[in-house]
Every structure is written in C-alpha cells, then in structure tokens.
Amino acid sequence: MSATSHPPEVARLVSHRRCVERIRRAWPAFLERRRQRLAEQERYGGGHQSGAYAPSARRCSGDRPSAG
C-alpha cells in the first residue's frame, strides 16, 4: 500500500516519524561538531556563543551537562 492510498493524517504521521528519526540519527554528530567549534572559539578567541546555546538556555535532552 502506498502512502497516497492512506488518509492524509497517516501520511503526515509517517513523514513526521521519518523526520524525527533522521534528526535523532544526526544529533550525536551535531553535538560533536558543536563541541569542536566551541573549543576552537575558546582557544582562538572567536565569536561569542549564540543565545540558543547559552548555558542558561533551555537544553535539549541530548545536550545535558555532565554530572560532576
């Protein structure tokens, strides 16, 4: 059965699920690249951290500070 034979609500759910799965797969690599960029900025005095990633900003579940 193709997606076009499903009701529109089901097709949107399938699309949403695929999108979420893609984001979840890419998240660890994103965090690693972000960590590297922030380390370089700190080392070389680069630009400031954007408000979206400021320590006081609400964090996503995959971006929790380490305990300790």
N, C-alpha and C. Protein backbone atom coordinates (compact mmCIF):
# COMPACT_ATOMS: atom_id res chain seq x y z
N MET A 1 0.84 -1.17 0.00
CA MET A 1 0.00 0.00 0.00
C MET A 1 0.89 1.24 0.00
N SER A 2 0.66 2.16 -0.88
CA SER A 2 1.48 3.37 -0.97
C SER A 2 0.96 4.43 -0.01
N ALA A 3 1.80 5.42 0.25
CA ALA A 3 1.42 6.49 1.16
C ALA A 3 0.24 7.29 0.61
N THR A 4 0.09 7.33 -0.71
CA THR A 4 -1.01 8.10 -1.29
C THR A 4 -2.35 7.44 -1.06
N SER A 5 -2.40 6.15 -0.77
CA SER A 5 -3.67 5.48 -0.52
C SER A 5 -4.09 5.60 0.94
N HIS A 6 -3.22 6.13 1.81
CA HIS A 6 -3.55 6.33 3.21
C HIS A 6 -4.24 7.68 3.37
N PRO A 7 -5.03 7.81 4.44
CA PRO A 7 -5.60 9.14 4.73
C PRO A 7 -4.48 10.15 4.95
N PRO A 8 -4.70 11.42 4.68
CA PRO A 8 -3.64 12.44 4.82
C PRO A 8 -3.03 12.48 6.22
N GLU A 9 -3.82 12.21 7.27
CA GLU A 9 -3.29 12.25 8.63
C GLU A 9 -2.21 11.18 8.81
N VAL A 10 -2.42 10.01 8.24
CA VAL A 10 -1.45 8.92 8.37
C VAL A 10 -0.18 9.27 7.60
N ALA A 11 -0.33 9.81 6.41
CA ALA A 11 0.84 10.19 5.62
C ALA A 11 1.67 11.23 6.37
N ARG A 12 1.02 12.19 7.02
CA ARG A 12 1.76 13.21 7.79
C ARG A 12 2.47 12.57 8.98
N LEU A 13 1.85 11.61 9.62
CA LEU A 13 2.50 10.94 10.74
C LEU A 13 3.74 10.19 10.30
N VAL A 14 3.65 9.51 9.16
CA VAL A 14 4.80 8.78 8.62
C VAL A 14 5.92 9.76 8.30
N SER A 15 5.58 10.87 7.67
CA SER A 15 6.57 11.88 7.33
C SER A 15 7.22 12.44 8.60
N HIS A 16 6.42 12.73 9.60
CA HIS A 16 6.94 13.26 10.86
C HIS A 16 7.88 12.25 11.52
N ARG A 17 7.46 10.99 11.55
CA ARG A 17 8.29 9.96 12.18
C ARG A 17 9.64 9.85 11.48
N ARG A 18 9.63 9.88 10.14
CA ARG A 18 10.90 9.81 9.39
C ARG A 18 11.78 11.00 9.69
N CYS A 19 11.17 12.16 9.78
CA CYS A 19 11.93 13.38 10.08
C CYS A 19 12.57 13.28 11.46
N VAL A 20 11.79 12.85 12.44
CA VAL A 20 12.31 12.72 13.81
C VAL A 20 13.43 11.69 13.86
N GLU A 21 13.27 10.58 13.17
CA GLU A 21 14.32 9.56 13.15
C GLU A 21 15.60 10.10 12.54
N ARG A 22 15.48 10.87 11.47
CA ARG A 22 16.65 11.46 10.81
C ARG A 22 17.35 12.43 11.75
N ILE A 23 16.59 13.25 12.46
CA ILE A 23 17.18 14.20 13.40
C ILE A 23 17.89 13.46 14.52
N ARG A 24 17.26 12.42 15.06
CA ARG A 24 17.87 11.67 16.15
C ARG A 24 19.17 10.99 15.72
N ARG A 25 19.21 10.50 14.48
CA ARG A 25 20.44 9.87 13.99
C ARG A 25 21.56 10.91 13.85
N ALA A 26 21.21 12.12 13.44
CA ALA A 26 22.22 13.15 13.18
C ALA A 26 22.66 13.89 14.45
N TRP A 27 21.88 13.79 15.53
CA TRP A 27 22.15 14.59 16.72
C TRP A 27 23.53 14.36 17.34
N PRO A 28 24.00 13.12 17.53
CA PRO A 28 25.33 12.94 18.13
C PRO A 28 26.45 13.61 17.31
N ALA A 29 26.38 13.51 15.99
CA ALA A 29 27.41 14.14 15.15
C ALA A 29 27.33 15.66 15.27
N PHE A 30 26.11 16.19 15.34
CA PHE A 30 25.93 17.63 15.51
C PHE A 30 26.57 18.10 16.82
N LEU A 31 26.29 17.37 17.90
CA LEU A 31 26.86 17.75 19.20
C LEU A 31 28.38 17.72 19.19
N GLU A 32 28.95 16.73 18.53
CA GLU A 32 30.41 16.64 18.46
C GLU A 32 30.99 17.82 17.67
N ARG A 33 30.39 18.15 16.52
CA ARG A 33 30.86 19.30 15.73
C ARG A 33 30.71 20.59 16.53
N ARG A 34 29.61 20.72 17.24
CA ARG A 34 29.38 21.91 18.05
C ARG A 34 30.44 22.02 19.15
N ARG A 35 30.73 20.89 19.82
CA ARG A 35 31.74 20.89 20.87
C ARG A 35 33.10 21.33 20.31
N GLN A 36 33.44 20.83 19.12
CA GLN A 36 34.72 21.19 18.50
C GLN A 36 34.75 22.67 18.14
N ARG A 37 33.65 23.19 17.58
CA ARG A 37 33.61 24.62 17.22
C ARG A 37 33.74 25.50 18.46
N LEU A 38 33.04 25.12 19.53
CA LEU A 38 33.12 25.92 20.75
C LEU A 38 34.52 25.87 21.34
N ALA A 39 35.17 24.73 21.29
CA ALA A 39 36.54 24.61 21.79
C ALA A 39 37.48 25.49 20.97
N GLU A 40 37.31 25.51 19.66
CA GLU A 40 38.14 26.37 18.80
C GLU A 40 37.89 27.84 19.10
N GLN A 41 36.64 28.21 19.27
CA GLN A 41 36.33 29.60 19.58
C GLN A 41 36.96 30.02 20.90
N GLU A 42 36.91 29.14 21.87
CA GLU A 42 37.52 29.44 23.17
C GLU A 42 39.03 29.56 23.03
N ARG A 43 39.62 28.66 22.27
CA ARG A 43 41.07 28.62 22.10
C ARG A 43 41.57 29.86 21.35
N TYR A 44 40.85 30.25 20.29
CA TYR A 44 41.31 31.35 19.44
C TYR A 44 40.56 32.66 19.68
N GLY A 45 39.71 32.69 20.69
CA GLY A 45 39.01 33.93 20.99
C GLY A 45 37.98 34.29 19.95
N GLY A 46 37.32 33.31 19.40
CA GLY A 46 36.31 33.55 18.38
C GLY A 46 35.08 34.22 18.94
N GLY A 47 34.05 34.27 18.12
CA GLY A 47 32.80 34.93 18.48
C GLY A 47 32.16 34.31 19.71
N HIS A 48 31.22 35.05 20.25
CA HIS A 48 30.54 34.57 21.44
C HIS A 48 29.53 33.47 21.08
N GLN A 49 29.14 32.75 22.07
CA GLN A 49 28.16 31.68 21.89
C GLN A 49 26.80 32.31 21.69
N SER A 50 26.02 31.79 20.74
CA SER A 50 24.71 32.36 20.49
C SER A 50 23.78 32.08 21.66
N GLY A 51 22.74 32.88 21.80
CA GLY A 51 21.78 32.71 22.88
C GLY A 51 21.12 31.35 22.87
N ALA A 52 20.99 30.76 21.70
CA ALA A 52 20.35 29.45 21.61
C ALA A 52 21.16 28.38 22.33
N TYR A 53 22.45 28.59 22.48
CA TYR A 53 23.28 27.59 23.13
C TYR A 53 23.90 28.08 24.42
N ALA A 54 23.44 29.21 24.90
CA ALA A 54 23.99 29.75 26.14
C ALA A 54 23.69 28.80 27.29
N PRO A 55 24.59 28.72 28.28
CA PRO A 55 24.39 27.80 29.40
C PRO A 55 23.05 27.99 30.10
N SER A 56 22.53 29.21 30.12
CA SER A 56 21.27 29.44 30.81
C SER A 56 20.06 29.07 29.95
N ALA A 57 20.28 28.83 28.67
CA ALA A 57 19.17 28.48 27.77
C ALA A 57 18.68 27.07 28.06
N ARG A 58 17.43 26.84 27.75
CA ARG A 58 16.86 25.51 27.94
C ARG A 58 17.60 24.53 27.04
N ARG A 59 17.94 23.38 27.56
CA ARG A 59 18.73 22.41 26.83
C ARG A 59 17.85 21.31 26.27
N CYS A 60 18.32 20.73 25.17
CA CYS A 60 17.67 19.55 24.61
C CYS A 60 18.17 18.33 25.38
N SER A 61 17.42 17.24 25.31
CA SER A 61 17.77 16.04 26.08
C SER A 61 19.14 15.50 25.75
N GLY A 62 19.61 15.65 24.51
CA GLY A 62 20.91 15.11 24.12
C GLY A 62 22.05 16.04 24.45
N ASP A 63 21.77 17.19 25.05
CA ASP A 63 22.78 18.19 25.31
C ASP A 63 22.85 18.54 26.78
N ARG A 64 22.81 17.54 27.61
CA ARG A 64 22.84 17.76 29.05
C ARG A 64 24.28 17.91 29.53
N PRO A 65 24.48 18.78 30.51
CA PRO A 65 25.85 18.89 31.06
C PRO A 65 26.20 17.61 31.80
N SER A 66 27.47 17.31 31.83
CA SER A 66 27.89 16.10 32.53
C SER A 66 27.76 16.29 34.03
N ALA A 67 27.43 15.20 34.70
CA ALA A 67 27.29 15.26 36.16
C ALA A 67 28.68 15.32 36.78
N GLY A 68 28.84 16.16 37.73
CA GLY A 68 30.13 16.17 38.38
C GLY A 68 30.65 17.46 38.75
